[in-house]
Amino acid sequence: MRAAELFEQRRPSSEVARAVGLHPESVRRWKRLWEQGGVQALRRRPATGRPPKLDDAQLEAVRIALEQGAQAHGFEADLWTLERLGVVVERVTGVTLAHASVWRLLTGRLGWSLQRPRRQAVERGESEIARWVAHEWPRIKRGR
């Protein structure tokens, strides 16, 4: 909008470019737009491109389904994989997505991140480990 004000004052493109901190070619392109359509032609327009396959209502349905967990959808373990996520998205919305699209959906639109399960035995006994470290390890260490 600052550039439009300077165009109205009949300032040269090079001066406008310095004032707004952009390349002169960008300013010349803006000036052509301004001359054709005025200030309105310089306003932001929505991003172009292919619309997403899932609308906001479908996205919310997927979010609710995923928050229920994998076992609620018939999977053996409560662990999500891209393949499982794709199956659930297809069941909930009827839309089939490639693994890359499922990943973008999760990380981009849903804001989820990669989480890896801890590699630790479920049967792990913390008290037994503490006893071993306190009594057995010093004995083994002394024996060297």
N, C-alpha and C. Protein backbone atom coordinates (compact mmCIF):
# COMPACT_ATOMS: atom_id res chain seq x y z
N MET A 1 0.83 -1.18 0.00
CA MET A 1 0.00 0.00 0.00
C MET A 1 0.88 1.26 0.00
N ARG A 2 2.06 1.11 0.63
CA ARG A 2 3.00 2.24 0.62
C ARG A 2 3.44 2.52 -0.82
N ALA A 3 3.65 1.47 -1.59
CA ALA A 3 4.04 1.65 -2.99
C ALA A 3 2.94 2.36 -3.76
N ALA A 4 1.68 2.05 -3.51
CA ALA A 4 0.57 2.71 -4.19
C ALA A 4 0.56 4.20 -3.87
N GLU A 5 0.83 4.55 -2.61
CA GLU A 5 0.89 5.97 -2.23
C GLU A 5 1.99 6.68 -3.02
N LEU A 6 3.14 6.04 -3.15
CA LEU A 6 4.25 6.65 -3.89
C LEU A 6 3.94 6.72 -5.38
N PHE A 7 3.23 5.73 -5.93
CA PHE A 7 2.81 5.80 -7.34
C PHE A 7 1.92 7.00 -7.56
N GLU A 8 1.00 7.24 -6.62
CA GLU A 8 0.09 8.38 -6.73
C GLU A 8 0.84 9.71 -6.70
N GLN A 9 1.98 9.73 -6.02
CA GLN A 9 2.80 10.95 -5.96
C GLN A 9 3.73 11.07 -7.17
N ARG A 10 3.58 10.15 -8.12
CA ARG A 10 4.35 10.13 -9.37
C ARG A 10 5.85 9.95 -9.13
N ARG A 11 6.19 9.17 -8.12
CA ARG A 11 7.60 8.88 -7.84
C ARG A 11 8.10 7.84 -8.83
N PRO A 12 9.38 7.88 -9.23
CA PRO A 12 9.93 6.88 -10.16
C PRO A 12 9.99 5.49 -9.49
N SER A 13 9.92 4.46 -10.32
CA SER A 13 9.91 3.08 -9.81
C SER A 13 11.16 2.76 -8.99
N SER A 14 12.30 3.29 -9.41
CA SER A 14 13.54 3.00 -8.66
C SER A 14 13.47 3.58 -7.24
N GLU A 15 12.87 4.76 -7.09
CA GLU A 15 12.72 5.37 -5.77
C GLU A 15 11.73 4.59 -4.91
N VAL A 16 10.65 4.14 -5.55
CA VAL A 16 9.65 3.33 -4.83
C VAL A 16 10.29 2.02 -4.38
N ALA A 17 11.11 1.41 -5.25
CA ALA A 17 11.77 0.15 -4.90
C ALA A 17 12.66 0.32 -3.68
N ARG A 18 13.43 1.41 -3.64
CA ARG A 18 14.28 1.67 -2.47
C ARG A 18 13.44 1.91 -1.23
N ALA A 19 12.32 2.61 -1.37
CA ALA A 19 11.48 2.94 -0.21
C ALA A 19 10.84 1.71 0.41
N VAL A 20 10.43 0.78 -0.43
CA VAL A 20 9.76 -0.42 0.12
C VAL A 20 10.71 -1.60 0.25
N GLY A 21 11.97 -1.47 -0.20
CA GLY A 21 12.97 -2.50 -0.03
C GLY A 21 12.79 -3.71 -0.92
N LEU A 22 12.34 -3.49 -2.15
CA LEU A 22 12.15 -4.59 -3.08
C LEU A 22 12.91 -4.35 -4.37
N HIS A 23 12.98 -5.40 -5.17
CA HIS A 23 13.66 -5.31 -6.46
C HIS A 23 12.84 -4.40 -7.38
N PRO A 24 13.51 -3.56 -8.17
CA PRO A 24 12.79 -2.64 -9.08
C PRO A 24 11.84 -3.35 -10.04
N GLU A 25 12.17 -4.58 -10.48
CA GLU A 25 11.30 -5.29 -11.40
C GLU A 25 9.96 -5.62 -10.73
N SER A 26 9.98 -5.97 -9.45
CA SER A 26 8.74 -6.23 -8.71
C SER A 26 7.91 -4.97 -8.63
N VAL A 27 8.58 -3.86 -8.40
CA VAL A 27 7.86 -2.58 -8.29
C VAL A 27 7.25 -2.21 -9.65
N ARG A 28 7.98 -2.45 -10.73
CA ARG A 28 7.42 -2.15 -12.06
C ARG A 28 6.19 -3.01 -12.34
N ARG A 29 6.24 -4.29 -11.91
CA ARG A 29 5.08 -5.17 -12.09
C ARG A 29 3.90 -4.64 -11.27
N TRP A 30 4.16 -4.21 -10.04
CA TRP A 30 3.11 -3.63 -9.20
C TRP A 30 2.53 -2.37 -9.85
N LYS A 31 3.42 -1.57 -10.43
CA LYS A 31 2.95 -0.32 -11.04
C LYS A 31 2.02 -0.60 -12.22
N ARG A 32 2.35 -1.60 -13.03
CA ARG A 32 1.46 -1.98 -14.14
C ARG A 32 0.09 -2.40 -13.60
N LEU A 33 0.10 -3.21 -12.54
CA LEU A 33 -1.17 -3.63 -11.93
C LEU A 33 -1.94 -2.42 -11.40
N TRP A 34 -1.23 -1.52 -10.75
CA TRP A 34 -1.85 -0.32 -10.18
C TRP A 34 -2.46 0.56 -11.27
N GLU A 35 -1.74 0.69 -12.40
CA GLU A 35 -2.25 1.50 -13.51
C GLU A 35 -3.50 0.87 -14.12
N GLN A 36 -3.59 -0.46 -14.12
CA GLN A 36 -4.74 -1.13 -14.72
C GLN A 36 -5.94 -1.19 -13.78
N GLY A 37 -5.69 -1.41 -12.48
CA GLY A 37 -6.81 -1.63 -11.57
C GLY A 37 -6.80 -0.83 -10.29
N GLY A 38 -5.87 0.09 -10.15
CA GLY A 38 -5.82 0.90 -8.94
C GLY A 38 -5.31 0.12 -7.74
N VAL A 39 -5.58 0.67 -6.57
CA VAL A 39 -5.10 0.07 -5.31
C VAL A 39 -5.70 -1.32 -5.13
N GLN A 40 -6.93 -1.52 -5.56
CA GLN A 40 -7.61 -2.80 -5.39
C GLN A 40 -6.85 -3.94 -6.09
N ALA A 41 -6.20 -3.64 -7.19
CA ALA A 41 -5.45 -4.66 -7.93
C ALA A 41 -4.21 -5.12 -7.16
N LEU A 42 -3.75 -4.31 -6.21
CA LEU A 42 -2.56 -4.66 -5.43
C LEU A 42 -2.89 -5.43 -4.16
N ARG A 43 -4.14 -5.55 -3.81
CA ARG A 43 -4.52 -6.27 -2.58
C ARG A 43 -4.21 -7.76 -2.71
N ARG A 44 -4.00 -8.39 -1.57
CA ARG A 44 -3.70 -9.82 -1.56
C ARG A 44 -4.87 -10.63 -2.10
N ARG A 45 -4.52 -11.68 -2.81
CA ARG A 45 -5.53 -12.60 -3.32
C ARG A 45 -5.30 -13.95 -2.66
N PRO A 46 -6.35 -14.74 -2.56
CA PRO A 46 -6.16 -16.07 -1.97
C PRO A 46 -5.18 -16.89 -2.79
N ALA A 47 -4.48 -17.79 -2.11
CA ALA A 47 -3.51 -18.64 -2.78
C ALA A 47 -4.21 -19.52 -3.82
N THR A 48 -3.53 -19.69 -4.93
CA THR A 48 -4.08 -20.54 -5.97
C THR A 48 -3.56 -21.95 -5.78
N GLY A 49 -4.06 -22.86 -6.52
CA GLY A 49 -3.61 -24.24 -6.44
C GLY A 49 -4.78 -25.17 -6.23
N ARG A 50 -4.46 -26.42 -6.21
CA ARG A 50 -5.48 -27.45 -6.06
C ARG A 50 -6.07 -27.37 -4.65
N PRO A 51 -7.39 -27.40 -4.55
CA PRO A 51 -8.00 -27.40 -3.22
C PRO A 51 -7.73 -28.73 -2.51
N PRO A 52 -7.69 -28.73 -1.18
CA PRO A 52 -7.44 -29.98 -0.46
C PRO A 52 -8.54 -31.00 -0.70
N LYS A 53 -8.19 -32.28 -0.62
CA LYS A 53 -9.16 -33.35 -0.85
C LYS A 53 -10.18 -33.44 0.28
N LEU A 54 -9.77 -33.04 1.49
CA LEU A 54 -10.67 -33.10 2.64
C LEU A 54 -11.09 -31.69 3.04
N ASP A 55 -12.39 -31.46 3.17
CA ASP A 55 -12.85 -30.15 3.62
C ASP A 55 -12.73 -30.09 5.15
N ASP A 56 -13.10 -28.96 5.74
CA ASP A 56 -12.93 -28.76 7.18
C ASP A 56 -13.76 -29.74 8.01
N ALA A 57 -14.98 -30.05 7.57
CA ALA A 57 -15.82 -30.99 8.32
C ALA A 57 -15.22 -32.39 8.29
N GLN A 58 -14.71 -32.81 7.13
CA GLN A 58 -14.07 -34.12 7.03
C GLN A 58 -12.80 -34.17 7.87
N LEU A 59 -12.06 -33.08 7.86
CA LEU A 59 -10.83 -33.01 8.64
C LEU A 59 -11.13 -33.17 10.13
N GLU A 60 -12.19 -32.52 10.60
CA GLU A 60 -12.57 -32.64 12.01
C GLU A 60 -13.01 -34.06 12.34
N ALA A 61 -13.72 -34.71 11.43
CA ALA A 61 -14.13 -36.10 11.64
C ALA A 61 -12.90 -37.01 11.73
N VAL A 62 -11.89 -36.76 10.90
CA VAL A 62 -10.66 -37.55 10.94
C VAL A 62 -9.94 -37.30 12.27
N ARG A 63 -9.89 -36.06 12.70
CA ARG A 63 -9.22 -35.73 13.96
C ARG A 63 -9.87 -36.50 15.13
N ILE A 64 -11.19 -36.49 15.17
CA ILE A 64 -11.92 -37.19 16.24
C ILE A 64 -11.64 -38.69 16.18
N ALA A 65 -11.65 -39.24 14.97
CA ALA A 65 -11.40 -40.68 14.81
C ALA A 65 -9.98 -41.05 15.27
N LEU A 66 -9.01 -40.23 14.94
CA LEU A 66 -7.63 -40.53 15.30
C LEU A 66 -7.40 -40.39 16.80
N GLU A 67 -8.09 -39.46 17.42
CA GLU A 67 -7.93 -39.28 18.87
C GLU A 67 -8.51 -40.45 19.66
N GLN A 68 -9.38 -41.25 19.04
CA GLN A 68 -9.93 -42.43 19.71
C GLN A 68 -8.88 -43.52 19.86
N GLY A 69 -7.85 -43.48 19.06
CA GLY A 69 -6.79 -44.48 19.13
C GLY A 69 -6.95 -45.55 18.08
N ALA A 70 -5.87 -46.24 17.82
CA ALA A 70 -5.86 -47.26 16.76
C ALA A 70 -6.69 -48.48 17.15
N GLN A 71 -6.66 -48.87 18.41
CA GLN A 71 -7.42 -50.06 18.83
C GLN A 71 -8.92 -49.85 18.69
N ALA A 72 -9.39 -48.63 18.83
CA ALA A 72 -10.82 -48.35 18.66
C ALA A 72 -11.27 -48.59 17.22
N HIS A 73 -10.31 -48.65 16.30
CA HIS A 73 -10.63 -48.87 14.89
C HIS A 73 -10.28 -50.28 14.44
N GLY A 74 -10.07 -51.18 15.41
CA GLY A 74 -9.87 -52.58 15.08
C GLY A 74 -8.44 -53.01 14.87
N PHE A 75 -7.47 -52.16 15.17
CA PHE A 75 -6.07 -52.55 15.02
C PHE A 75 -5.59 -53.18 16.32
N GLU A 76 -4.64 -54.12 16.19
CA GLU A 76 -4.20 -54.90 17.34
C GLU A 76 -3.49 -54.04 18.38
N ALA A 77 -2.56 -53.21 17.95
CA ALA A 77 -1.80 -52.35 18.87
C ALA A 77 -2.26 -50.91 18.71
N ASP A 78 -2.12 -50.15 19.78
CA ASP A 78 -2.54 -48.75 19.74
C ASP A 78 -1.40 -47.88 19.21
N LEU A 79 -0.97 -48.20 18.02
CA LEU A 79 0.14 -47.52 17.37
C LEU A 79 -0.29 -47.12 15.96
N TRP A 80 -0.11 -45.85 15.63
CA TRP A 80 -0.51 -45.37 14.31
C TRP A 80 0.65 -45.49 13.33
N THR A 81 0.36 -46.00 12.14
CA THR A 81 1.30 -45.98 11.02
C THR A 81 0.61 -45.24 9.89
N LEU A 82 1.37 -44.85 8.88
CA LEU A 82 0.76 -44.15 7.74
C LEU A 82 -0.28 -45.03 7.06
N GLU A 83 0.00 -46.31 6.97
CA GLU A 83 -0.95 -47.22 6.33
C GLU A 83 -2.26 -47.28 7.12
N ARG A 84 -2.15 -47.42 8.43
CA ARG A 84 -3.35 -47.47 9.27
C ARG A 84 -4.12 -46.15 9.21
N LEU A 85 -3.39 -45.06 9.24
CA LEU A 85 -4.04 -43.76 9.16
C LEU A 85 -4.80 -43.60 7.84
N GLY A 86 -4.18 -44.07 6.75
CA GLY A 86 -4.84 -44.00 5.46
C GLY A 86 -6.13 -44.80 5.43
N VAL A 87 -6.12 -45.97 6.09
CA VAL A 87 -7.32 -46.81 6.15
C VAL A 87 -8.42 -46.08 6.92
N VAL A 88 -8.07 -45.47 8.04
CA VAL A 88 -9.07 -44.76 8.85
C VAL A 88 -9.61 -43.55 8.11
N VAL A 89 -8.75 -42.81 7.43
CA VAL A 89 -9.20 -41.65 6.65
C VAL A 89 -10.19 -42.12 5.59
N GLU A 90 -9.90 -43.23 4.94
CA GLU A 90 -10.79 -43.74 3.90
C GLU A 90 -12.12 -44.20 4.50
N ARG A 91 -12.08 -44.87 5.66
CA ARG A 91 -13.33 -45.31 6.31
C ARG A 91 -14.19 -44.13 6.72
N VAL A 92 -13.57 -43.09 7.26
CA VAL A 92 -14.32 -41.95 7.81
C VAL A 92 -14.85 -41.04 6.71
N THR A 93 -14.03 -40.80 5.68
CA THR A 93 -14.39 -39.80 4.67
C THR A 93 -14.71 -40.38 3.30
N GLY A 94 -14.24 -41.60 3.04
CA GLY A 94 -14.42 -42.16 1.70
C GLY A 94 -13.36 -41.69 0.72
N VAL A 95 -12.37 -40.94 1.19
CA VAL A 95 -11.31 -40.40 0.34
C VAL A 95 -10.05 -41.23 0.54
N THR A 96 -9.48 -41.72 -0.56
CA THR A 96 -8.24 -42.49 -0.51
C THR A 96 -7.06 -41.54 -0.70
N LEU A 97 -6.10 -41.62 0.24
CA LEU A 97 -4.92 -40.77 0.17
C LEU A 97 -3.66 -41.62 0.07
N ALA A 98 -2.67 -41.13 -0.67
CA ALA A 98 -1.36 -41.78 -0.72
C ALA A 98 -0.66 -41.54 0.62
N HIS A 99 0.37 -42.35 0.90
CA HIS A 99 1.09 -42.21 2.16
C HIS A 99 1.64 -40.79 2.33
N ALA A 100 2.18 -40.21 1.26
CA ALA A 100 2.73 -38.85 1.34
C ALA A 100 1.63 -37.85 1.68
N SER A 101 0.45 -38.04 1.15
CA SER A 101 -0.67 -37.14 1.44
C SER A 101 -1.15 -37.30 2.88
N VAL A 102 -1.13 -38.54 3.37
CA VAL A 102 -1.49 -38.78 4.77
C VAL A 102 -0.50 -38.07 5.67
N TRP A 103 0.78 -38.15 5.34
CA TRP A 103 1.82 -37.49 6.13
C TRP A 103 1.60 -35.97 6.15
N ARG A 104 1.32 -35.38 4.98
CA ARG A 104 1.07 -33.93 4.91
C ARG A 104 -0.16 -33.55 5.70
N LEU A 105 -1.19 -34.39 5.64
CA LEU A 105 -2.42 -34.14 6.39
C LEU A 105 -2.11 -34.11 7.89
N LEU A 106 -1.36 -35.08 8.35
CA LEU A 106 -1.03 -35.17 9.78
C LEU A 106 -0.16 -34.02 10.25
N THR A 107 0.93 -33.79 9.55
CA THR A 107 1.90 -32.80 10.01
C THR A 107 1.48 -31.38 9.67
N GLY A 108 0.79 -31.22 8.56
CA GLY A 108 0.40 -29.87 8.14
C GLY A 108 -0.92 -29.44 8.73
N ARG A 109 -1.99 -30.06 8.28
CA ARG A 109 -3.33 -29.59 8.65
C ARG A 109 -3.73 -29.98 10.07
N LEU A 110 -3.29 -31.13 10.55
CA LEU A 110 -3.66 -31.56 11.90
C LEU A 110 -2.64 -31.14 12.95
N GLY A 111 -1.42 -30.83 12.52
CA GLY A 111 -0.39 -30.37 13.46
C GLY A 111 0.22 -31.47 14.32
N TRP A 112 0.11 -32.72 13.90
CA TRP A 112 0.71 -33.83 14.65
C TRP A 112 2.19 -33.92 14.29
N SER A 113 2.95 -34.63 15.12
CA SER A 113 4.37 -34.83 14.83
C SER A 113 4.71 -36.31 15.00
N LEU A 114 5.86 -36.69 14.49
CA LEU A 114 6.31 -38.06 14.57
C LEU A 114 6.66 -38.40 16.02
N GLN A 115 6.10 -39.48 16.51
CA GLN A 115 6.39 -39.96 17.86
C GLN A 115 6.81 -41.42 17.74
N ARG A 116 7.92 -41.74 18.32
CA ARG A 116 8.39 -43.13 18.28
C ARG A 116 8.15 -43.77 19.65
N PRO A 117 7.71 -45.03 19.66
CA PRO A 117 7.50 -45.70 20.95
C PRO A 117 8.82 -45.91 21.66
N ARG A 118 8.78 -45.88 22.99
CA ARG A 118 9.98 -46.12 23.78
C ARG A 118 10.36 -47.58 23.66
N ARG A 119 11.62 -47.83 23.51
CA ARG A 119 12.11 -49.19 23.42
C ARG A 119 12.55 -49.63 24.82
N GLN A 120 11.56 -50.00 25.61
CA GLN A 120 11.82 -50.40 26.98
C GLN A 120 10.88 -51.56 27.32
N ALA A 121 11.41 -52.55 27.99
CA ALA A 121 10.61 -53.72 28.32
C ALA A 121 9.47 -53.34 29.25
N VAL A 122 8.29 -53.88 28.99
CA VAL A 122 7.13 -53.64 29.84
C VAL A 122 7.34 -54.29 31.19
N GLU A 123 8.04 -55.41 31.20
CA GLU A 123 8.26 -56.18 32.43
C GLU A 123 9.36 -55.60 33.30
N ARG A 124 9.93 -54.50 32.90
CA ARG A 124 11.06 -53.89 33.59
C ARG A 124 10.71 -53.62 35.06
N GLY A 125 11.58 -54.07 35.98
CA GLY A 125 11.36 -53.86 37.40
C GLY A 125 12.34 -52.83 37.94
N GLU A 126 11.87 -51.62 38.17
CA GLU A 126 12.75 -50.53 38.60
C GLU A 126 13.42 -50.83 39.94
N SER A 127 12.69 -51.45 40.87
CA SER A 127 13.28 -51.74 42.18
C SER A 127 14.40 -52.77 42.06
N GLU A 128 14.22 -53.76 41.21
CA GLU A 128 15.26 -54.78 40.99
C GLU A 128 16.48 -54.16 40.33
N ILE A 129 16.28 -53.26 39.40
CA ILE A 129 17.40 -52.57 38.73
C ILE A 129 18.17 -51.74 39.76
N ALA A 130 17.45 -51.00 40.62
CA ALA A 130 18.10 -50.18 41.64
C ALA A 130 18.90 -51.06 42.60
N ARG A 131 18.35 -52.20 42.99
CA ARG A 131 19.07 -53.12 43.88
C ARG A 131 20.33 -53.64 43.20
N TRP A 132 20.24 -54.02 41.93
CA TRP A 132 21.39 -54.54 41.20
C TRP A 132 22.49 -53.48 41.12
N VAL A 133 22.11 -52.22 40.78
CA VAL A 133 23.09 -51.15 40.65
C VAL A 133 23.75 -50.87 42.00
N ALA A 134 22.98 -50.94 43.08
CA ALA A 134 23.52 -50.62 44.41
C ALA A 134 24.38 -51.76 44.96
N HIS A 135 24.05 -53.00 44.71
CA HIS A 135 24.75 -54.12 45.36
C HIS A 135 25.62 -54.94 44.40
N GLU A 136 25.07 -55.34 43.29
CA GLU A 136 25.80 -56.24 42.39
C GLU A 136 26.89 -55.53 41.59
N TRP A 137 26.57 -54.38 41.05
CA TRP A 137 27.54 -53.67 40.21
C TRP A 137 28.81 -53.31 40.98
N PRO A 138 28.72 -52.76 42.20
CA PRO A 138 29.96 -52.48 42.92
C PRO A 138 30.79 -53.75 43.18
N ARG A 139 30.12 -54.87 43.45
CA ARG A 139 30.82 -56.13 43.68
C ARG A 139 31.55 -56.57 42.41
N ILE A 140 30.87 -56.47 41.26
CA ILE A 140 31.48 -56.84 39.97
C ILE A 140 32.64 -55.92 39.65
N LYS A 141 32.47 -54.64 39.91
CA LYS A 141 33.49 -53.66 39.61
C LYS A 141 34.74 -53.89 40.45
N ARG A 142 34.56 -54.23 41.75
CA ARG A 142 35.70 -54.50 42.63
C ARG A 142 36.47 -55.73 42.19
N GLY A 143 35.79 -56.71 41.65
CA GLY A 143 36.40 -57.97 41.25
C GLY A 143 37.37 -57.83 40.10
N ARG A 144 37.42 -56.73 39.42
CA ARG A 144 38.34 -56.56 38.28
C ARG A 144 39.73 -56.59 38.76
